[in-house]
Amino acid sequence: MSEPSTVVVVNPITCEGHGMCAELFPEWISLDDWGYPVIDPRPVPEHLMKHARRAVEACPTLALLLRPSQGGTPGSRS
């Protein structure tokens, strides 16, 4: 059995819109008109995990997280 997929998520309460995540991981994160992250909901491919971890570690408010994928459809909320 393969390892679980990982997704990047943001805590909208703690995020202050610094934008470092989009600078460090532009392949997966863009910024909206107000400077807050818009994150690709798909699981992060293994070859991009190093970049994802770097963006998560650099978040000044610890709002960016890596979580196991729930296996739902992209964009769906639980």
PDB file of N, CA and C in Angstrom:
ATOM      1  N   MET A   1       0.845  -1.187   0.000  1.00  0.00           N
ATOM      2  CA  MET A   1       0.000   0.000   0.000  1.00  0.00           C
ATOM      3  C   MET A   1       0.890   1.249   0.000  1.00  0.00           C
ATOM      4  N   SER A   2       0.519   2.283  -0.752  1.00  0.00           N
ATOM      5  CA  SER A   2       1.334   3.486  -0.858  1.00  0.00           C
ATOM      6  C   SER A   2       1.116   4.401   0.350  1.00  0.00           C
ATOM      7  N   GLU A   3       2.066   5.329   0.529  1.00  0.00           N
ATOM      8  CA  GLU A   3       1.965   6.285   1.627  1.00  0.00           C
ATOM      9  C   GLU A   3       0.786   7.220   1.389  1.00  0.00           C
ATOM     10  N   PRO A   4       0.184   7.742   2.483  1.00  0.00           N
ATOM     11  CA  PRO A   4      -0.936   8.664   2.302  1.00  0.00           C
ATOM     12  C   PRO A   4      -0.477   9.945   1.610  1.00  0.00           C
ATOM     13  N   SER A   5      -1.351  10.517   0.836  1.00  0.00           N
ATOM     14  CA  SER A   5      -1.059  11.773   0.152  1.00  0.00           C
ATOM     15  C   SER A   5      -1.112  12.914   1.163  1.00  0.00           C
ATOM     16  N   THR A   6      -0.394  13.971   0.849  1.00  0.00           N
ATOM     17  CA  THR A   6      -0.332  15.133   1.730  1.00  0.00           C
ATOM     18  C   THR A   6      -0.850  16.357   0.991  1.00  0.00           C
ATOM     19  N   VAL A   7      -1.623  17.162   1.701  1.00  0.00           N
ATOM     20  CA  VAL A   7      -2.126  18.414   1.139  1.00  0.00           C
ATOM     21  C   VAL A   7      -1.625  19.574   1.993  1.00  0.00           C
ATOM     22  N   VAL A   8      -1.561  20.749   1.396  1.00  0.00           N
ATOM     23  CA  VAL A   8      -1.216  21.971   2.110  1.00  0.00           C
ATOM     24  C   VAL A   8      -2.531  22.644   2.469  1.00  0.00           C
ATOM     25  N   VAL A   9      -2.653  23.062   3.713  1.00  0.00           N
ATOM     26  CA  VAL A   9      -3.845  23.784   4.158  1.00  0.00           C
ATOM     27  C   VAL A   9      -3.412  25.045   4.893  1.00  0.00           C
ATOM     28  N   VAL A  10      -4.312  26.010   4.956  1.00  0.00           N
ATOM     29  CA  VAL A  10      -4.019  27.245   5.672  1.00  0.00           C
ATOM     30  C   VAL A  10      -5.095  27.452   6.737  1.00  0.00           C
ATOM     31  N   ASN A  11      -4.659  27.909   7.896  1.00  0.00           N
ATOM     32  CA  ASN A  11      -5.592  28.291   8.956  1.00  0.00           C
ATOM     33  C   ASN A  11      -5.934  29.753   8.702  1.00  0.00           C
ATOM     34  N   PRO A  12      -7.149  30.037   8.235  1.00  0.00           N
ATOM     35  CA  PRO A  12      -7.495  31.418   7.878  1.00  0.00           C
ATOM     36  C   PRO A  12      -7.569  32.360   9.073  1.00  0.00           C
ATOM     37  N   ILE A  13      -7.668  31.819  10.262  1.00  0.00           N
ATOM     38  CA  ILE A  13      -7.733  32.673  11.453  1.00  0.00           C
ATOM     39  C   ILE A  13      -6.349  33.207  11.816  1.00  0.00           C
ATOM     40  N   THR A  14      -5.327  32.370  11.691  1.00  0.00           N
ATOM     41  CA  THR A  14      -3.985  32.817  12.062  1.00  0.00           C
ATOM     42  C   THR A  14      -3.212  33.453  10.906  1.00  0.00           C
ATOM     43  N   CYS A  15      -3.647  33.227   9.672  1.00  0.00           N
ATOM     44  CA  CYS A  15      -2.955  33.805   8.521  1.00  0.00           C
ATOM     45  C   CYS A  15      -3.128  35.320   8.512  1.00  0.00           C
ATOM     46  N   GLU A  16      -2.007  36.024   8.334  1.00  0.00           N
ATOM     47  CA  GLU A  16      -2.026  37.487   8.264  1.00  0.00           C
ATOM     48  C   GLU A  16      -1.671  38.005   6.879  1.00  0.00           C
ATOM     49  N   GLY A  17      -1.561  37.107   5.912  1.00  0.00           N
ATOM     50  CA  GLY A  17      -1.327  37.516   4.531  1.00  0.00           C
ATOM     51  C   GLY A  17       0.063  38.043   4.246  1.00  0.00           C
ATOM     52  N   HIS A  18       1.077  37.499   4.884  1.00  0.00           N
ATOM     53  CA  HIS A  18       2.452  37.938   4.618  1.00  0.00           C
ATOM     54  C   HIS A  18       2.901  37.559   3.205  1.00  0.00           C
ATOM     55  N   GLY A  19       2.384  36.458   2.672  1.00  0.00           N
ATOM     56  CA  GLY A  19       2.685  36.054   1.296  1.00  0.00           C
ATOM     57  C   GLY A  19       3.960  35.271   1.098  1.00  0.00           C
ATOM     58  N   MET A  20       4.662  34.941   2.172  1.00  0.00           N
ATOM     59  CA  MET A  20       5.916  34.186   2.034  1.00  0.00           C
ATOM     60  C   MET A  20       5.677  32.814   1.427  1.00  0.00           C
ATOM     61  N   CYS A  21       4.537  32.215   1.736  1.00  0.00           N
ATOM     62  CA  CYS A  21       4.237  30.876   1.223  1.00  0.00           C
ATOM     63  C   CYS A  21       4.178  30.872  -0.304  1.00  0.00           C
ATOM     64  N   ALA A  22       3.569  31.897  -0.877  1.00  0.00           N
ATOM     65  CA  ALA A  22       3.467  31.972  -2.338  1.00  0.00           C
ATOM     66  C   ALA A  22       4.823  32.250  -2.980  1.00  0.00           C
ATOM     67  N   GLU A  23       5.677  32.985  -2.280  1.00  0.00           N
ATOM     68  CA  GLU A  23       7.022  33.233  -2.800  1.00  0.00           C
ATOM     69  C   GLU A  23       7.862  31.958  -2.788  1.00  0.00           C
ATOM     70  N   LEU A  24       7.679  31.149  -1.744  1.00  0.00           N
ATOM     71  CA  LEU A  24       8.485  29.943  -1.591  1.00  0.00           C
ATOM     72  C   LEU A  24       7.917  28.729  -2.317  1.00  0.00           C
ATOM     73  N   PHE A  25       6.620  28.732  -2.591  1.00  0.00           N
ATOM     74  CA  PHE A  25       5.985  27.563  -3.216  1.00  0.00           C
ATOM     75  C   PHE A  25       4.957  28.016  -4.258  1.00  0.00           C
ATOM     76  N   PRO A  26       5.417  28.781  -5.269  1.00  0.00           N
ATOM     77  CA  PRO A  26       4.497  29.317  -6.275  1.00  0.00           C
ATOM     78  C   PRO A  26       3.848  28.247  -7.146  1.00  0.00           C
ATOM     79  N   GLU A  27       4.436  27.045  -7.156  1.00  0.00           N
ATOM     80  CA  GLU A  27       3.835  25.956  -7.937  1.00  0.00           C
ATOM     81  C   GLU A  27       2.483  25.551  -7.360  1.00  0.00           C
ATOM     82  N   TRP A  28       2.245  25.841  -6.088  1.00  0.00           N
ATOM     83  CA  TRP A  28       1.039  25.346  -5.413  1.00  0.00           C
ATOM     84  C   TRP A  28       0.216  26.435  -4.743  1.00  0.00           C
ATOM     85  N   ILE A  29       0.834  27.602  -4.499  1.00  0.00           N
ATOM     86  CA  ILE A  29       0.157  28.655  -3.753  1.00  0.00           C
ATOM     87  C   ILE A  29       0.230  29.967  -4.524  1.00  0.00           C
ATOM     88  N   SER A  30      -0.934  30.590  -4.690  1.00  0.00           N
ATOM     89  CA  SER A  30      -0.991  31.931  -5.259  1.00  0.00           C
ATOM     90  C   SER A  30      -1.639  32.836  -4.211  1.00  0.00           C
ATOM     91  N   LEU A  31      -1.676  34.119  -4.486  1.00  0.00           N
ATOM     92  CA  LEU A  31      -2.286  35.058  -3.541  1.00  0.00           C
ATOM     93  C   LEU A  31      -3.536  35.679  -4.141  1.00  0.00           C
ATOM     94  N   ASP A  32      -4.533  35.895  -3.294  1.00  0.00           N
ATOM     95  CA  ASP A  32      -5.742  36.552  -3.766  1.00  0.00           C
ATOM     96  C   ASP A  32      -5.509  38.069  -3.811  1.00  0.00           C
ATOM     97  N   ASP A  33      -6.535  38.833  -4.121  1.00  0.00           N
ATOM     98  CA  ASP A  33      -6.409  40.283  -4.259  1.00  0.00           C
ATOM     99  C   ASP A  33      -5.989  40.983  -2.965  1.00  0.00           C
ATOM    100  N   TRP A  34      -6.179  40.341  -1.825  1.00  0.00           N
ATOM    101  CA  TRP A  34      -5.855  40.921  -0.529  1.00  0.00           C
ATOM    102  C   TRP A  34      -4.549  40.369   0.046  1.00  0.00           C
ATOM    103  N   GLY A  35      -3.859  39.498  -0.724  1.00  0.00           N
ATOM    104  CA  GLY A  35      -2.583  38.964  -0.287  1.00  0.00           C
ATOM    105  C   GLY A  35      -2.658  37.686   0.524  1.00  0.00           C
ATOM    106  N   TYR A  36      -3.838  37.059   0.561  1.00  0.00           N
ATOM    107  CA  TYR A  36      -3.997  35.814   1.305  1.00  0.00           C
ATOM    108  C   TYR A  36      -3.828  34.624   0.366  1.00  0.00           C
ATOM    109  N   PRO A  37      -3.318  33.515   0.884  1.00  0.00           N
ATOM    110  CA  PRO A  37      -3.015  32.366   0.028  1.00  0.00           C
ATOM    111  C   PRO A  37      -4.237  31.657  -0.534  1.00  0.00           C
ATOM    112  N   VAL A  38      -4.106  31.270  -1.787  1.00  0.00           N
ATOM    113  CA  VAL A  38      -5.070  30.400  -2.467  1.00  0.00           C
ATOM    114  C   VAL A  38      -4.267  29.144  -2.781  1.00  0.00           C
ATOM    115  N   ILE A  39      -4.652  28.042  -2.155  1.00  0.00           N
ATOM    116  CA  ILE A  39      -3.855  26.826  -2.216  1.00  0.00           C
ATOM    117  C   ILE A  39      -4.503  25.784  -3.107  1.00  0.00           C
ATOM    118  N   ASP A  40      -3.704  25.184  -3.954  1.00  0.00           N
ATOM    119  CA  ASP A  40      -4.161  24.081  -4.790  1.00  0.00           C
ATOM    120  C   ASP A  40      -4.607  22.957  -3.851  1.00  0.00           C
ATOM    121  N   PRO A  41      -5.846  22.486  -3.971  1.00  0.00           N
ATOM    122  CA  PRO A  41      -6.365  21.482  -3.034  1.00  0.00           C
ATOM    123  C   PRO A  41      -5.887  20.053  -3.296  1.00  0.00           C
ATOM    124  N   ARG A  42      -5.216  19.829  -4.412  1.00  0.00           N
ATOM    125  CA  ARG A  42      -4.756  18.477  -4.733  1.00  0.00           C
ATOM    126  C   ARG A  42      -3.599  18.062  -3.826  1.00  0.00           C
ATOM    127  N   PRO A  43      -3.393  16.754  -3.657  1.00  0.00           N
ATOM    128  CA  PRO A  43      -2.221  16.297  -2.907  1.00  0.00           C
ATOM    129  C   PRO A  43      -0.932  16.776  -3.573  1.00  0.00           C
ATOM    130  N   VAL A  44       0.043  17.133  -2.750  1.00  0.00           N
ATOM    131  CA  VAL A  44       1.326  17.616  -3.253  1.00  0.00           C
ATOM    132  C   VAL A  44       2.131  16.427  -3.772  1.00  0.00           C
ATOM    133  N   PRO A  45       2.618  16.504  -5.006  1.00  0.00           N
ATOM    134  CA  PRO A  45       3.455  15.420  -5.535  1.00  0.00           C
ATOM    135  C   PRO A  45       4.748  15.299  -4.726  1.00  0.00           C
ATOM    136  N   GLU A  46       5.247  14.108  -4.636  1.00  0.00           N
ATOM    137  CA  GLU A  46       6.457  13.850  -3.835  1.00  0.00           C
ATOM    138  C   GLU A  46       7.626  14.744  -4.259  1.00  0.00           C
ATOM    139  N   HIS A  47       7.769  15.007  -5.555  1.00  0.00           N
ATOM    140  CA  HIS A  47       8.907  15.820  -6.001  1.00  0.00           C
ATOM    141  C   HIS A  47       8.800  17.290  -5.577  1.00  0.00           C
ATOM    142  N   LEU A  48       7.635  17.719  -5.081  1.00  0.00           N
ATOM    143  CA  LEU A  48       7.470  19.095  -4.604  1.00  0.00           C
ATOM    144  C   LEU A  48       7.370  19.194  -3.077  1.00  0.00           C
ATOM    145  N   MET A  49       7.462  18.074  -2.385  1.00  0.00           N
ATOM    146  CA  MET A  49       7.307  18.089  -0.927  1.00  0.00           C
ATOM    147  C   MET A  49       8.380  18.917  -0.226  1.00  0.00           C
ATOM    148  N   LYS A  50       9.583  18.935  -0.751  1.00  0.00           N
ATOM    149  CA  LYS A  50      10.644  19.750  -0.149  1.00  0.00           C
ATOM    150  C   LYS A  50      10.232  21.227  -0.154  1.00  0.00           C
ATOM    151  N   HIS A  51       9.648  21.674  -1.249  1.00  0.00           N
ATOM    152  CA  HIS A  51       9.205  23.067  -1.362  1.00  0.00           C
ATOM    153  C   HIS A  51       8.025  23.337  -0.424  1.00  0.00           C
ATOM    154  N   ALA A  52       7.126  22.373  -0.324  1.00  0.00           N
ATOM    155  CA  ALA A  52       5.972  22.523   0.564  1.00  0.00           C
ATOM    156  C   ALA A  52       6.435  22.645   2.015  1.00  0.00           C
ATOM    157  N   ARG A  53       7.350  21.785   2.419  1.00  0.00           N
ATOM    158  CA  ARG A  53       7.860  21.831   3.799  1.00  0.00           C
ATOM    159  C   ARG A  53       8.559  23.162   4.083  1.00  0.00           C
ATOM    160  N   ARG A  54       9.315  23.640   3.115  1.00  0.00           N
ATOM    161  CA  ARG A  54      10.019  24.916   3.296  1.00  0.00           C
ATOM    162  C   ARG A  54       9.026  26.064   3.499  1.00  0.00           C
ATOM    163  N   ALA A  55       7.953  26.085   2.706  1.00  0.00           N
ATOM    164  CA  ALA A  55       6.935  27.129   2.844  1.00  0.00           C
ATOM    165  C   ALA A  55       6.240  27.042   4.200  1.00  0.00           C
ATOM    166  N   VAL A  56       5.917  25.828   4.638  1.00  0.00           N
ATOM    167  CA  VAL A  56       5.257  25.642   5.937  1.00  0.00           C
ATOM    168  C   VAL A  56       6.172  26.119   7.062  1.00  0.00           C
ATOM    169  N   GLU A  57       7.432  25.750   7.005  1.00  0.00           N
ATOM    170  CA  GLU A  57       8.379  26.134   8.057  1.00  0.00           C
ATOM    171  C   GLU A  57       8.643  27.630   8.103  1.00  0.00           C
ATOM    172  N   ALA A  58       8.508  28.312   6.979  1.00  0.00           N
ATOM    173  CA  ALA A  58       8.800  29.745   6.907  1.00  0.00           C
ATOM    174  C   ALA A  58       7.613  30.625   7.292  1.00  0.00           C
ATOM    175  N   CYS A  59       6.438  30.065   7.432  1.00  0.00           N
ATOM    176  CA  CYS A  59       5.250  30.880   7.740  1.00  0.00           C
ATOM    177  C   CYS A  59       5.424  31.567   9.093  1.00  0.00           C
ATOM    178  N   PRO A  60       5.425  32.908   9.126  1.00  0.00           N
ATOM    179  CA  PRO A  60       5.674  33.616  10.383  1.00  0.00           C
ATOM    180  C   PRO A  60       4.561  33.456  11.422  1.00  0.00           C
ATOM    181  N   THR A  61       3.365  33.097  10.993  1.00  0.00           N
ATOM    182  CA  THR A  61       2.260  32.931  11.947  1.00  0.00           C
ATOM    183  C   THR A  61       1.874  31.464  12.145  1.00  0.00           C
ATOM    184  N   LEU A  62       2.642  30.552  11.551  1.00  0.00           N
ATOM    185  CA  LEU A  62       2.383  29.111  11.646  1.00  0.00           C
ATOM    186  C   LEU A  62       0.986  28.748  11.133  1.00  0.00           C
ATOM    187  N   ALA A  63       0.518  29.495  10.137  1.00  0.00           N
ATOM    188  CA  ALA A  63      -0.822  29.275   9.589  1.00  0.00           C
ATOM    189  C   ALA A  63      -0.851  28.220   8.496  1.00  0.00           C
ATOM    190  N   LEU A  64       0.289  27.897   7.930  1.00  0.00           N
ATOM    191  CA  LEU A  64       0.359  26.927   6.842  1.00  0.00           C
ATOM    192  C   LEU A  64       0.711  25.560   7.415  1.00  0.00           C
ATOM    193  N   LEU A  65      -0.017  24.529   6.977  1.00  0.00           N
ATOM    194  CA  LEU A  65       0.161  23.189   7.528  1.00  0.00           C
ATOM    195  C   LEU A  65       0.183  22.141   6.431  1.00  0.00           C
ATOM    196  N   LEU A  66       0.836  21.030   6.718  1.00  0.00           N
ATOM    197  CA  LEU A  66       0.777  19.848   5.862  1.00  0.00           C
ATOM    198  C   LEU A  66      -0.097  18.829   6.580  1.00  0.00           C
ATOM    199  N   ARG A  67      -1.073  18.307   5.870  1.00  0.00           N
ATOM    200  CA  ARG A  67      -1.999  17.337   6.453  1.00  0.00           C
ATOM    201  C   ARG A  67      -2.175  16.155   5.512  1.00  0.00           C
ATOM    202  N   PRO A  68      -2.447  14.982   6.073  1.00  0.00           N
ATOM    203  CA  PRO A  68      -2.779  13.841   5.207  1.00  0.00           C
ATOM    204  C   PRO A  68      -4.054  14.142   4.426  1.00  0.00           C
ATOM    205  N   SER A  69      -4.081  13.757   3.185  1.00  0.00           N
ATOM    206  CA  SER A  69      -5.257  13.965   2.343  1.00  0.00           C
ATOM    207  C   SER A  69      -6.406  13.113   2.853  1.00  0.00           C
ATOM    208  N   GLN A  70      -7.601  13.659   2.817  1.00  0.00           N
ATOM    209  CA  GLN A  70      -8.789  12.933   3.257  1.00  0.00           C
ATOM    210  C   GLN A  70      -9.387  12.102   2.134  1.00  0.00           C
ATOM    211  N   GLY A  71      -8.858  12.236   0.931  1.00  0.00           N
ATOM    212  CA  GLY A  71      -9.333  11.444  -0.184  1.00  0.00           C
ATOM    213  C   GLY A  71     -10.628  11.942  -0.788  1.00  0.00           C
ATOM    214  N   GLY A  72     -11.089  13.120  -0.385  1.00  0.00           N
ATOM    215  CA  GLY A  72     -12.303  13.692  -0.946  1.00  0.00           C
ATOM    216  C   GLY A  72     -12.017  14.328  -2.294  1.00  0.00           C
ATOM    217  N   THR A  73     -13.015  14.900  -2.881  1.00  0.00           N
ATOM    218  CA  THR A  73     -12.831  15.578  -4.156  1.00  0.00           C
ATOM    219  C   THR A  73     -12.178  16.919  -3.901  1.00  0.00           C
ATOM    220  N   PRO A  74     -11.314  17.378  -4.813  1.00  0.00           N
ATOM    221  CA  PRO A  74     -10.651  18.662  -4.631  1.00  0.00           C
ATOM    222  C   PRO A  74     -11.669  19.772  -4.436  1.00  0.00           C
ATOM    223  N   GLY A  75     -11.387  20.615  -3.441  1.00  0.00           N
ATOM    224  CA  GLY A  75     -12.252  21.750  -3.180  1.00  0.00           C
ATOM    225  C   GLY A  75     -13.422  21.427  -2.263  1.00  0.00           C
ATOM    226  N   SER A  76     -13.642  20.164  -1.938  1.00  0.00           N
ATOM    227  CA  SER A  76     -14.749  19.822  -1.057  1.00  0.00           C
ATOM    228  C   SER A  76     -14.359  20.073   0.378  1.00  0.00           C
ATOM    229  N   ARG A  77     -15.323  20.386   1.207  1.00  0.00           N
ATOM    230  CA  ARG A  77     -15.079  20.653   2.623  1.00  0.00           C
ATOM    231  C   ARG A  77     -15.807  19.616   3.459  1.00  0.00           C
ATOM    232  N   SER A  78     -15.177  19.242   4.557  1.00  0.00           N
ATOM    233  CA  SER A  78     -15.781  18.246   5.436  1.00  0.00           C
ATOM    234  C   SER A  78     -16.609  18.933   6.499  1.00  0.00           C
TER     235      SER A  78
END
